[in-house]
Amino acid sequence: MDEDRCFFESLLPHVKKMNPLKKLQFRTEVQQLVMTYPYNYSENKSAPVSDNYSDSSSQFSPTNLTAQNTSVFEDIW
């Protein structure tokens, strides 16, 4: 089975526990991440997103990702 499909299917039980508003927030943030990583899109046009995840200038570095998105995950973990 496709490892990407398995990963997203593993999120389903957690997503199903969310109320409709949290689910909408979650979907919006996932879509923003999809725009950022595969397409290098950044809402801040003056600071393109780096492909290097450890680059501190990236608005979605793993460190910043945790700090920015805890509100969506705090109810499901």
C-alpha atoms as a PDB file:
ATOM      1  CA  MET A   1       0.000   0.000   0.000  1.00  0.00           C
ATOM      2  CA  ASP A   2       1.113   3.557  -0.687  1.00  0.00           C
ATOM      3  CA  GLU A   3       2.901   5.012   2.360  1.00  0.00           C
ATOM      4  CA  ASP A   4       1.405   8.481   1.756  1.00  0.00           C
ATOM      5  CA  ARG A   5      -2.120   7.072   1.707  1.00  0.00           C
ATOM      6  CA  CYS A   6      -1.384   5.135   4.897  1.00  0.00           C
ATOM      7  CA  PHE A   7      -0.157   8.289   6.603  1.00  0.00           C
ATOM      8  CA  PHE A   8      -3.279  10.280   5.724  1.00  0.00           C
ATOM      9  CA  GLU A   9      -5.556   7.400   6.650  1.00  0.00           C
ATOM     10  CA  SER A  10      -3.818   7.264  10.039  1.00  0.00           C
ATOM     11  CA  LEU A  11      -5.008  10.833  10.654  1.00  0.00           C
ATOM     12  CA  LEU A  12      -8.677  10.009  10.039  1.00  0.00           C
ATOM     13  CA  PRO A  13      -9.544   8.838  13.568  1.00  0.00           C
ATOM     14  CA  HIS A  14      -8.181  12.114  14.927  1.00  0.00           C
ATOM     15  CA  VAL A  15      -9.947  14.254  12.338  1.00  0.00           C
ATOM     16  CA  LYS A  16     -13.251  12.481  13.015  1.00  0.00           C
ATOM     17  CA  LYS A  17     -13.018  13.590  16.674  1.00  0.00           C
ATOM     18  CA  MET A  18     -12.936  17.265  15.705  1.00  0.00           C
ATOM     19  CA  ASN A  19     -15.954  19.506  15.763  1.00  0.00           C
ATOM     20  CA  PRO A  20     -16.854  21.155  12.409  1.00  0.00           C
ATOM     21  CA  LEU A  21     -15.000  24.402  13.152  1.00  0.00           C
ATOM     22  CA  LYS A  22     -11.777  22.622  14.190  1.00  0.00           C
ATOM     23  CA  LYS A  23     -12.084  20.416  11.109  1.00  0.00           C
ATOM     24  CA  LEU A  24     -12.338  23.492   8.891  1.00  0.00           C
ATOM     25  CA  GLN A  25      -9.270  25.030  10.594  1.00  0.00           C
ATOM     26  CA  PHE A  26      -7.359  21.785  10.152  1.00  0.00           C
ATOM     27  CA  ARG A  27      -8.228  21.517   6.456  1.00  0.00           C
ATOM     28  CA  THR A  28      -7.243  25.135   5.867  1.00  0.00           C
ATOM     29  CA  GLU A  29      -3.873  24.669   7.556  1.00  0.00           C
ATOM     30  CA  VAL A  30      -3.203  21.437   5.651  1.00  0.00           C
ATOM     31  CA  GLN A  31      -3.989  23.211   2.375  1.00  0.00           C
ATOM     32  CA  GLN A  32      -1.578  26.002   3.329  1.00  0.00           C
ATOM     33  CA  LEU A  33       1.128  23.420   3.992  1.00  0.00           C
ATOM     34  CA  VAL A  34       0.457  21.800   0.631  1.00  0.00           C
ATOM     35  CA  MET A  35       0.847  25.181  -1.058  1.00  0.00           C
ATOM     36  CA  THR A  36       4.115  25.742   0.822  1.00  0.00           C
ATOM     37  CA  TYR A  37       6.075  22.515   0.489  1.00  0.00           C
ATOM     38  CA  PRO A  38       5.393  21.040  -2.964  1.00  0.00           C
ATOM     39  CA  TYR A  39       4.871  24.394  -4.685  1.00  0.00           C
ATOM     40  CA  ASN A  40       7.155  26.713  -2.664  1.00  0.00           C
ATOM     41  CA  TYR A  41       4.306  29.189  -2.324  1.00  0.00           C
ATOM     42  CA  SER A  42       4.500  31.724   0.467  1.00  0.00           C
ATOM     43  CA  GLU A  43       1.937  34.404   1.286  1.00  0.00           C
ATOM     44  CA  ASN A  44       4.901  36.610   2.145  1.00  0.00           C
ATOM     45  CA  LYS A  45       6.138  37.210  -1.416  1.00  0.00           C
ATOM     46  CA  SER A  46       9.321  38.925  -0.223  1.00  0.00           C
ATOM     47  CA  ALA A  47      10.472  35.801   1.619  1.00  0.00           C
ATOM     48  CA  PRO A  48      10.273  32.672  -0.548  1.00  0.00           C
ATOM     49  CA  VAL A  49      10.053  29.419   1.345  1.00  0.00           C
ATOM     50  CA  SER A  50      13.273  27.439   1.366  1.00  0.00           C
ATOM     51  CA  ASP A  51      13.404  23.729   0.547  1.00  0.00           C
ATOM     52  CA  ASN A  52      15.720  23.346   3.533  1.00  0.00           C
ATOM     53  CA  TYR A  53      13.440  22.528   6.479  1.00  0.00           C
ATOM     54  CA  SER A  54      16.065  23.564   9.022  1.00  0.00           C
ATOM     55  CA  ASP A  55      16.249  27.091   7.551  1.00  0.00           C
ATOM     56  CA  SER A  56      15.016  29.430  10.296  1.00  0.00           C
ATOM     57  CA  SER A  57      13.656  31.905   7.715  1.00  0.00           C
ATOM     58  CA  SER A  58      11.032  29.407   6.584  1.00  0.00           C
ATOM     59  CA  GLN A  59       7.664  30.263   8.065  1.00  0.00           C
ATOM     60  CA  PHE A  60       6.827  26.538   8.274  1.00  0.00           C
ATOM     61  CA  SER A  61      10.008  25.074   9.702  1.00  0.00           C
ATOM     62  CA  PRO A  62       9.331  22.129  12.036  1.00  0.00           C
ATOM     63  CA  THR A  63       9.959  24.352  15.069  1.00  0.00           C
ATOM     64  CA  ASN A  64       7.630  27.093  13.839  1.00  0.00           C
ATOM     65  CA  LEU A  65       5.056  24.580  12.668  1.00  0.00           C
ATOM     66  CA  THR A  66       4.603  23.274  16.195  1.00  0.00           C
ATOM     67  CA  ALA A  67       4.295  26.760  17.651  1.00  0.00           C
ATOM     68  CA  GLN A  68       1.896  28.050  14.988  1.00  0.00           C
ATOM     69  CA  ASN A  69      -0.470  25.091  14.761  1.00  0.00           C
ATOM     70  CA  THR A  70      -0.880  23.837  18.302  1.00  0.00           C
ATOM     71  CA  SER A  71      -4.405  25.274  18.500  1.00  0.00           C
ATOM     72  CA  VAL A  72      -5.693  22.824  15.911  1.00  0.00           C
ATOM     73  CA  PHE A  73      -4.039  19.799  17.480  1.00  0.00           C
ATOM     74  CA  GLU A  74      -4.498  20.477  21.178  1.00  0.00           C
ATOM     75  CA  ASP A  75      -8.078  19.148  21.180  1.00  0.00           C
ATOM     76  CA  ILE A  76      -7.284  15.907  19.372  1.00  0.00           C
ATOM     77  CA  TRP A  77      -4.078  14.695  21.036  1.00  0.00           C
END
